[in-house]
PDB file of all heavy atoms in Angstrom:
ATOM      1  N   GLY A   1      -6.470  32.017 -22.697  1.00  0.00           N
ATOM      2  CA  GLY A   1      -6.725  32.262 -24.115  1.00  0.00           C
ATOM      3  C   GLY A   1      -7.155  30.973 -24.796  1.00  0.00           C
ATOM      4  O   GLY A   1      -6.760  29.887 -24.383  1.00  0.00           O
ATOM      5  N   VAL A   2      -7.986  31.079 -25.844  1.00  0.00           N
ATOM      6  CA  VAL A   2      -8.452  29.873 -26.539  1.00  0.00           C
ATOM      7  C   VAL A   2      -8.120  29.937 -28.025  1.00  0.00           C
ATOM      8  O   VAL A   2      -8.195  30.996 -28.644  1.00  0.00           O
ATOM      9  CB  VAL A   2      -9.981  29.662 -26.366  1.00  0.00           C
ATOM     10  CG1 VAL A   2     -10.321  29.257 -24.954  1.00  0.00           C
ATOM     11  CG2 VAL A   2     -10.778  30.876 -26.783  1.00  0.00           C
ATOM     12  N   LYS A   3      -7.726  28.784 -28.558  1.00  0.00           N
ATOM     13  CA  LYS A   3      -7.545  28.637 -30.007  1.00  0.00           C
ATOM     14  C   LYS A   3      -8.257  27.367 -30.447  1.00  0.00           C
ATOM     15  O   LYS A   3      -8.443  26.435 -29.660  1.00  0.00           O
ATOM     16  CB  LYS A   3      -6.054  28.567 -30.372  1.00  0.00           C
ATOM     17  CG  LYS A   3      -5.372  29.925 -30.333  1.00  0.00           C
ATOM     18  CD  LYS A   3      -3.973  29.878 -30.913  1.00  0.00           C
ATOM     19  CE  LYS A   3      -3.373  31.279 -30.942  1.00  0.00           C
ATOM     20  NZ  LYS A   3      -1.967  31.271 -31.413  1.00  0.00           N
ATOM     21  N   THR A   4      -8.648  27.347 -31.727  1.00  0.00           N
ATOM     22  CA  THR A   4      -9.366  26.194 -32.273  1.00  0.00           C
ATOM     23  C   THR A   4      -8.373  25.173 -32.806  1.00  0.00           C
ATOM     24  O   THR A   4      -7.589  25.483 -33.709  1.00  0.00           O
ATOM     25  CB  THR A   4     -10.283  26.637 -33.433  1.00  0.00           C
ATOM     26  OG1 THR A   4     -10.911  27.869 -33.074  1.00  0.00           O
ATOM     27  CG2 THR A   4     -11.321  25.590 -33.744  1.00  0.00           C
ATOM     28  N   LEU A   5      -8.412  23.960 -32.255  1.00  0.00           N
ATOM     29  CA  LEU A   5      -7.583  22.885 -32.791  1.00  0.00           C
ATOM     30  C   LEU A   5      -8.223  22.292 -34.038  1.00  0.00           C
ATOM     31  O   LEU A   5      -7.546  21.992 -35.018  1.00  0.00           O
ATOM     32  CB  LEU A   5      -7.411  21.773 -31.745  1.00  0.00           C
ATOM     33  CG  LEU A   5      -6.546  22.109 -30.529  1.00  0.00           C
ATOM     34  CD1 LEU A   5      -6.682  21.023 -29.486  1.00  0.00           C
ATOM     35  CD2 LEU A   5      -5.089  22.277 -30.946  1.00  0.00           C
ATOM     36  N   GLU A   6      -9.540  22.093 -33.983  1.00  0.00           N
ATOM     37  CA  GLU A   6     -10.259  21.478 -35.103  1.00  0.00           C
ATOM     38  C   GLU A   6     -11.756  21.684 -34.894  1.00  0.00           C
ATOM     39  O   GLU A   6     -12.214  22.006 -33.802  1.00  0.00           O
ATOM     40  CB  GLU A   6      -9.971  19.972 -35.153  1.00  0.00           C
ATOM     41  CG  GLU A   6     -10.458  19.238 -33.905  1.00  0.00           C
ATOM     42  CD  GLU A   6     -10.296  17.721 -33.974  1.00  0.00           C
ATOM     43  OE1 GLU A   6      -9.862  17.223 -35.015  1.00  0.00           O
ATOM     44  OE2 GLU A   6     -10.611  17.060 -32.970  1.00  0.00           O
ATOM     45  N   PHE A   7     -12.492  21.488 -35.969  1.00  0.00           N
ATOM     46  CA  PHE A   7     -13.951  21.408 -35.893  1.00  0.00           C
ATOM     47  C   PHE A   7     -14.388  19.994 -36.242  1.00  0.00           C
ATOM     48  O   PHE A   7     -13.843  19.380 -37.156  1.00  0.00           O
ATOM     49  CB  PHE A   7     -14.617  22.367 -36.886  1.00  0.00           C
ATOM     50  CG  PHE A   7     -14.576  23.809 -36.488  1.00  0.00           C
ATOM     51  CD1 PHE A   7     -13.929  24.748 -37.282  1.00  0.00           C
ATOM     52  CD2 PHE A   7     -15.194  24.238 -35.317  1.00  0.00           C
ATOM     53  CE1 PHE A   7     -13.896  26.089 -36.920  1.00  0.00           C
ATOM     54  CE2 PHE A   7     -15.171  25.575 -34.949  1.00  0.00           C
ATOM     55  CZ  PHE A   7     -14.520  26.495 -35.751  1.00  0.00           C
ATOM     56  N   ASN A   8     -15.374  19.497 -35.523  1.00  0.00           N
ATOM     57  CA  ASN A   8     -16.084  18.292 -35.927  1.00  0.00           C
ATOM     58  C   ASN A   8     -17.539  18.661 -36.125  1.00  0.00           C
ATOM     59  O   ASN A   8     -18.084  19.460 -35.356  1.00  0.00           O
ATOM     60  CB  ASN A   8     -15.974  17.189 -34.873  1.00  0.00           C
ATOM     61  CG  ASN A   8     -14.561  16.626 -34.788  1.00  0.00           C
ATOM     62  OD1 ASN A   8     -13.834  16.583 -35.778  1.00  0.00           O
ATOM     63  ND2 ASN A   8     -14.166  16.198 -33.612  1.00  0.00           N
ATOM     64  N   CYS A   9     -18.173  18.083 -37.135  1.00  0.00           N
ATOM     65  CA  CYS A   9     -19.555  18.432 -37.469  1.00  0.00           C
ATOM     66  C   CYS A   9     -20.531  17.454 -36.819  1.00  0.00           C
ATOM     67  O   CYS A   9     -21.503  17.021 -37.442  1.00  0.00           O
ATOM     68  CB  CYS A   9     -19.712  18.451 -38.970  1.00  0.00           C
ATOM     69  SG  CYS A   9     -18.720  19.758 -39.693  1.00  0.00           S
ATOM     70  N   ARG A  10     -20.260  17.109 -35.593  1.00  0.00           N
ATOM     71  CA  ARG A  10     -21.015  16.078 -34.876  1.00  0.00           C
ATOM     72  C   ARG A  10     -20.647  16.199 -33.414  1.00  0.00           C
ATOM     73  O   ARG A  10     -19.714  16.915 -33.068  1.00  0.00           O
ATOM     74  CB  ARG A  10     -20.610  14.701 -35.395  1.00  0.00           C
ATOM     75  CG  ARG A  10     -19.090  14.514 -35.311  1.00  0.00           C
ATOM     76  CD  ARG A  10     -18.526  13.370 -36.105  1.00  0.00           C
ATOM     77  NE  ARG A  10     -17.090  13.530 -36.267  1.00  0.00           N
ATOM     78  CZ  ARG A  10     -16.170  13.041 -35.454  1.00  0.00           C
ATOM     79  NH1 ARG A  10     -16.520  12.365 -34.391  1.00  0.00           N
ATOM     80  NH2 ARG A  10     -14.894  13.246 -35.684  1.00  0.00           N
ATOM     81  N   MET A  11     -21.327  15.489 -32.567  1.00  0.00           N
ATOM     82  CA  MET A  11     -20.897  15.413 -31.177  1.00  0.00           C
ATOM     83  C   MET A  11     -19.691  14.482 -31.093  1.00  0.00           C
ATOM     84  O   MET A  11     -19.556  13.557 -31.897  1.00  0.00           O
ATOM     85  CB  MET A  11     -22.018  14.896 -30.290  1.00  0.00           C
ATOM     86  CG  MET A  11     -23.039  15.976 -29.965  1.00  0.00           C
ATOM     87  SD  MET A  11     -24.255  15.447 -28.755  1.00  0.00           S
ATOM     88  CE  MET A  11     -23.347  15.552 -27.220  1.00  0.00           C
ATOM     89  N   GLY A  12     -18.826  14.718 -30.125  1.00  0.00           N
ATOM     90  CA  GLY A  12     -17.647  13.882 -29.967  1.00  0.00           C
ATOM     91  C   GLY A  12     -18.005  12.531 -29.385  1.00  0.00           C
ATOM     92  O   GLY A  12     -19.021  12.369 -28.717  1.00  0.00           O
ATOM     93  N   ASP A  13     -17.153  11.557 -29.672  1.00  0.00           N
ATOM     94  CA  ASP A  13     -17.298  10.231 -29.084  1.00  0.00           C
ATOM     95  C   ASP A  13     -15.933   9.884 -28.513  1.00  0.00           C
ATOM     96  O   ASP A  13     -14.974   9.817 -29.272  1.00  0.00           O
ATOM     97  CB  ASP A  13     -17.705   9.236 -30.181  1.00  0.00           C
ATOM     98  CG  ASP A  13     -18.072   7.858 -29.657  1.00  0.00           C
ATOM     99  OD1 ASP A  13     -17.754   7.568 -28.492  1.00  0.00           O
ATOM    100  OD2 ASP A  13     -18.655   7.076 -30.421  1.00  0.00           O
ATOM    101  N   PRO A  14     -15.769   9.775 -27.196  1.00  0.00           N
ATOM    102  CA  PRO A  14     -16.765   9.387 -26.200  1.00  0.00           C
ATOM    103  C   PRO A  14     -17.387  10.505 -25.356  1.00  0.00           C
ATOM    104  O   PRO A  14     -18.043  10.210 -24.355  1.00  0.00           O
ATOM    105  CB  PRO A  14     -15.949   8.475 -25.278  1.00  0.00           C
ATOM    106  CG  PRO A  14     -14.592   9.113 -25.267  1.00  0.00           C
ATOM    107  CD  PRO A  14     -14.397   9.653 -26.659  1.00  0.00           C
ATOM    108  N   GLU A  15     -17.245  11.783 -25.733  1.00  0.00           N
ATOM    109  CA  GLU A  15     -17.809  12.844 -24.890  1.00  0.00           C
ATOM    110  C   GLU A  15     -19.333  12.795 -24.808  1.00  0.00           C
ATOM    111  O   GLU A  15     -19.924  13.179 -23.801  1.00  0.00           O
ATOM    112  CB  GLU A  15     -17.388  14.229 -25.416  1.00  0.00           C
ATOM    113  CG  GLU A  15     -15.902  14.485 -25.383  1.00  0.00           C
ATOM    114  CD  GLU A  15     -15.253  14.244 -26.736  1.00  0.00           C
ATOM    115  OE1 GLU A  15     -15.697  13.326 -27.462  1.00  0.00           O
ATOM    116  OE2 GLU A  15     -14.319  14.962 -27.074  1.00  0.00           O
ATOM    117  N   THR A  16     -19.978  12.352 -25.898  1.00  0.00           N
ATOM    118  CA  THR A  16     -21.445  12.305 -25.934  1.00  0.00           C
ATOM    119  C   THR A  16     -22.029  11.502 -24.778  1.00  0.00           C
ATOM    120  O   THR A  16     -23.044  11.890 -24.186  1.00  0.00           O
ATOM    121  CB  THR A  16     -21.920  11.682 -27.269  1.00  0.00           C
ATOM    122  OG1 THR A  16     -21.418  12.475 -28.330  1.00  0.00           O
ATOM    123  CG2 THR A  16     -23.430  11.607 -27.347  1.00  0.00           C
ATOM    124  N   GLN A  17     -21.383  10.376 -24.464  1.00  0.00           N
ATOM    125  CA  GLN A  17     -21.946   9.472 -23.461  1.00  0.00           C
ATOM    126  C   GLN A  17     -22.044  10.159 -22.086  1.00  0.00           C
ATOM    127  O   GLN A  17     -23.132  10.163 -21.486  1.00  0.00           O
ATOM    128  CB  GLN A  17     -21.136   8.169 -23.397  1.00  0.00           C
ATOM    129  CG  GLN A  17     -21.239   7.306 -24.661  1.00  0.00           C
ATOM    130  CD  GLN A  17     -20.230   7.645 -25.747  1.00  0.00           C
ATOM    131  OE1 GLN A  17     -20.026   8.806 -26.072  1.00  0.00           O
ATOM    132  NE2 GLN A  17     -19.591   6.632 -26.322  1.00  0.00           N
ATOM    133  N   PRO A  18     -20.971  10.776 -21.563  1.00  0.00           N
ATOM    134  CA  PRO A  18     -21.116  11.510 -20.298  1.00  0.00           C
ATOM    135  C   PRO A  18     -22.052  12.716 -20.393  1.00  0.00           C
ATOM    136  O   PRO A  18     -22.816  12.983 -19.461  1.00  0.00           O
ATOM    137  CB  PRO A  18     -19.682  11.961 -19.971  1.00  0.00           C
ATOM    138  CG  PRO A  18     -18.796  11.066 -20.744  1.00  0.00           C
ATOM    139  CD  PRO A  18     -19.555  10.672 -21.961  1.00  0.00           C
ATOM    140  N   ILE A  19     -22.013  13.439 -21.525  1.00  0.00           N
ATOM    141  CA  ILE A  19     -22.871  14.629 -21.660  1.00  0.00           C
ATOM    142  C   ILE A  19     -24.346  14.228 -21.598  1.00  0.00           C
ATOM    143  O   ILE A  19     -25.143  14.835 -20.871  1.00  0.00           O
ATOM    144  CB  ILE A  19     -22.556  15.391 -22.969  1.00  0.00           C
ATOM    145  CG1 ILE A  19     -21.209  16.123 -22.842  1.00  0.00           C
ATOM    146  CG2 ILE A  19     -23.653  16.396 -23.301  1.00  0.00           C
ATOM    147  CD1 ILE A  19     -20.724  16.759 -24.134  1.00  0.00           C
ATOM    148  N   LEU A  20     -24.731  13.186 -22.337  1.00  0.00           N
ATOM    149  CA  LEU A  20     -26.147  12.792 -22.343  1.00  0.00           C
ATOM    150  C   LEU A  20     -26.564  12.104 -21.045  1.00  0.00           C
ATOM    151  O   LEU A  20     -27.738  12.145 -20.674  1.00  0.00           O
ATOM    152  CB  LEU A  20     -26.461  11.921 -23.559  1.00  0.00           C
ATOM    153  CG  LEU A  20     -26.433  12.653 -24.906  1.00  0.00           C
ATOM    154  CD1 LEU A  20     -26.895  11.754 -26.037  1.00  0.00           C
ATOM    155  CD2 LEU A  20     -27.282  13.927 -24.885  1.00  0.00           C
ATOM    156  N   MET A  21     -25.624  11.507 -20.322  1.00  0.00           N
ATOM    157  CA  MET A  21     -25.948  10.979 -18.986  1.00  0.00           C
ATOM    158  C   MET A  21     -26.363  12.123 -18.060  1.00  0.00           C
ATOM    159  O   MET A  21     -27.159  11.935 -17.144  1.00  0.00           O
ATOM    160  CB  MET A  21     -24.726  10.272 -18.373  1.00  0.00           C
ATOM    161  CG  MET A  21     -24.474   8.884 -18.875  1.00  0.00           C
ATOM    162  SD  MET A  21     -25.349   7.533 -18.069  1.00  0.00           S
ATOM    163  CE  MET A  21     -24.808   7.489 -16.389  1.00  0.00           C
ATOM    164  N   ARG A  22     -25.804  13.327 -18.294  1.00  0.00           N
ATOM    165  CA  ARG A  22     -26.094  14.484 -17.436  1.00  0.00           C
ATOM    166  C   ARG A  22     -27.303  15.293 -17.907  1.00  0.00           C
ATOM    167  O   ARG A  22     -27.835  16.097 -17.141  1.00  0.00           O
ATOM    168  CB  ARG A  22     -24.875  15.417 -17.373  1.00  0.00           C
ATOM    169  CG  ARG A  22     -23.682  14.844 -16.629  1.00  0.00           C
ATOM    170  CD  ARG A  22     -22.582  15.890 -16.454  1.00  0.00           C
ATOM    171  NE  ARG A  22     -23.078  17.041 -15.737  1.00  0.00           N
ATOM    172  CZ  ARG A  22     -22.853  18.308 -16.105  1.00  0.00           C
ATOM    173  NH1 ARG A  22     -22.159  18.589 -17.200  1.00  0.00           N
ATOM    174  NH2 ARG A  22     -23.342  19.295 -15.398  1.00  0.00           N
ATOM    175  N   LEU A  23     -27.732  15.109 -19.157  1.00  0.00           N
ATOM    176  CA  LEU A  23     -28.845  15.915 -19.682  1.00  0.00           C
ATOM    177  C   LEU A  23     -30.169  15.440 -19.092  1.00  0.00           C
ATOM    178  O   LEU A  23     -30.563  14.298 -19.253  1.00  0.00           O
ATOM    179  CB  LEU A  23     -28.884  15.812 -21.214  1.00  0.00           C
ATOM    180  CG  LEU A  23     -29.986  16.623 -21.892  1.00  0.00           C
ATOM    181  CD1 LEU A  23     -29.794  18.122 -21.689  1.00  0.00           C
ATOM    182  CD2 LEU A  23     -30.060  16.290 -23.382  1.00  0.00           C
ATOM    183  N   LYS A  24     -30.856  16.346 -18.395  1.00  0.00           N
ATOM    184  CA  LYS A  24     -32.154  16.004 -17.800  1.00  0.00           C
ATOM    185  C   LYS A  24     -33.319  16.451 -18.698  1.00  0.00           C
ATOM    186  O   LYS A  24     -34.430  15.957 -18.575  1.00  0.00           O
ATOM    187  CB  LYS A  24     -32.270  16.638 -16.408  1.00  0.00           C
ATOM    188  CG  LYS A  24     -31.276  16.042 -15.407  1.00  0.00           C
ATOM    189  CD  LYS A  24     -31.195  16.821 -14.124  1.00  0.00           C
ATOM    190  CE  LYS A  24     -32.265  16.434 -13.135  1.00  0.00           C
ATOM    191  NZ  LYS A  24     -32.043  17.052 -11.810  1.00  0.00           N
ATOM    192  N   SER A  25     -33.053  17.381 -19.604  1.00  0.00           N
ATOM    193  CA  SER A  25     -34.093  17.842 -20.538  1.00  0.00           C
ATOM    194  C   SER A  25     -34.461  16.714 -21.500  1.00  0.00           C
ATOM    195  O   SER A  25     -33.683  15.791 -21.720  1.00  0.00           O
ATOM    196  CB  SER A  25     -33.580  19.040 -21.351  1.00  0.00           C
ATOM    197  OG  SER A  25     -33.160  20.080 -20.504  1.00  0.00           O
ATOM    198  N   ASP A  26     -35.650  16.832 -22.092  1.00  0.00           N
ATOM    199  CA  ASP A  26     -36.110  15.868 -23.082  1.00  0.00           C
ATOM    200  C   ASP A  26     -35.347  16.101 -24.387  1.00  0.00           C
ATOM    201  O   ASP A  26     -35.512  17.127 -25.049  1.00  0.00           O
ATOM    202  CB  ASP A  26     -37.619  16.048 -23.296  1.00  0.00           C
ATOM    203  CG  ASP A  26     -38.232  14.987 -24.185  1.00  0.00           C
ATOM    204  OD1 ASP A  26     -37.610  14.628 -25.206  1.00  0.00           O
ATOM    205  OD2 ASP A  26     -39.350  14.521 -23.875  1.00  0.00           O
ATOM    206  N   PHE A  27     -34.507  15.153 -24.772  1.00  0.00           N
ATOM    207  CA  PHE A  27     -33.631  15.295 -25.950  1.00  0.00           C
ATOM    208  C   PHE A  27     -34.458  15.429 -27.229  1.00  0.00           C
ATOM    209  O   PHE A  27     -34.090  16.185 -28.135  1.00  0.00           O
ATOM    210  CB  PHE A  27     -32.695  14.089 -26.015  1.00  0.00           C
ATOM    211  CG  PHE A  27     -31.543  14.223 -26.973  1.00  0.00           C
ATOM    212  CD1 PHE A  27     -30.853  15.420 -27.133  1.00  0.00           C
ATOM    213  CD2 PHE A  27     -31.116  13.119 -27.711  1.00  0.00           C
ATOM    214  CE1 PHE A  27     -29.781  15.532 -28.006  1.00  0.00           C
ATOM    215  CE2 PHE A  27     -30.037  13.207 -28.588  1.00  0.00           C
ATOM    216  CZ  PHE A  27     -29.370  14.417 -28.734  1.00  0.00           C
ATOM    217  N   LEU A  28     -35.568  14.717 -27.304  1.00  0.00           N
ATOM    218  CA  LEU A  28     -36.432  14.812 -28.485  1.00  0.00           C
ATOM    219  C   LEU A  28     -36.939  16.241 -28.660  1.00  0.00           C
ATOM    220  O   LEU A  28     -36.898  16.794 -29.766  1.00  0.00           O
ATOM    221  CB  LEU A  28     -37.616  13.852 -28.375  1.00  0.00           C
ATOM    222  CG  LEU A  28     -38.620  13.965 -29.529  1.00  0.00           C
ATOM    223  CD1 LEU A  28     -38.046  13.382 -30.813  1.00  0.00           C
ATOM    224  CD2 LEU A  28     -39.947  13.304 -29.186  1.00  0.00           C
ATOM    225  N   GLU A  29     -37.427  16.857 -27.568  1.00  0.00           N
ATOM    226  CA  GLU A  29     -37.963  18.223 -27.652  1.00  0.00           C
ATOM    227  C   GLU A  29     -36.890  19.217 -28.107  1.00  0.00           C
ATOM    228  O   GLU A  29     -37.172  20.151 -28.867  1.00  0.00           O
ATOM    229  CB  GLU A  29     -38.559  18.651 -26.306  1.00  0.00           C
ATOM    230  CG  GLU A  29     -39.728  17.791 -25.824  1.00  0.00           C
ATOM    231  CD  GLU A  29     -40.921  17.782 -26.778  1.00  0.00           C
ATOM    232  OE1 GLU A  29     -41.068  18.729 -27.580  1.00  0.00           O
ATOM    233  OE2 GLU A  29     -41.712  16.816 -26.717  1.00  0.00           O
TER     234      GLU A  29
END
C-alpha cells in the first residue's frame, strides 16, 4: 500500500543526480 508523505514541486536532491545519470533521452527535447 502507498501513502503520500509529502509533495515537492521540483526534482529531489540528491535523487536527480542518479536519475539523470541514467537518462539516455535528450533532456532538452
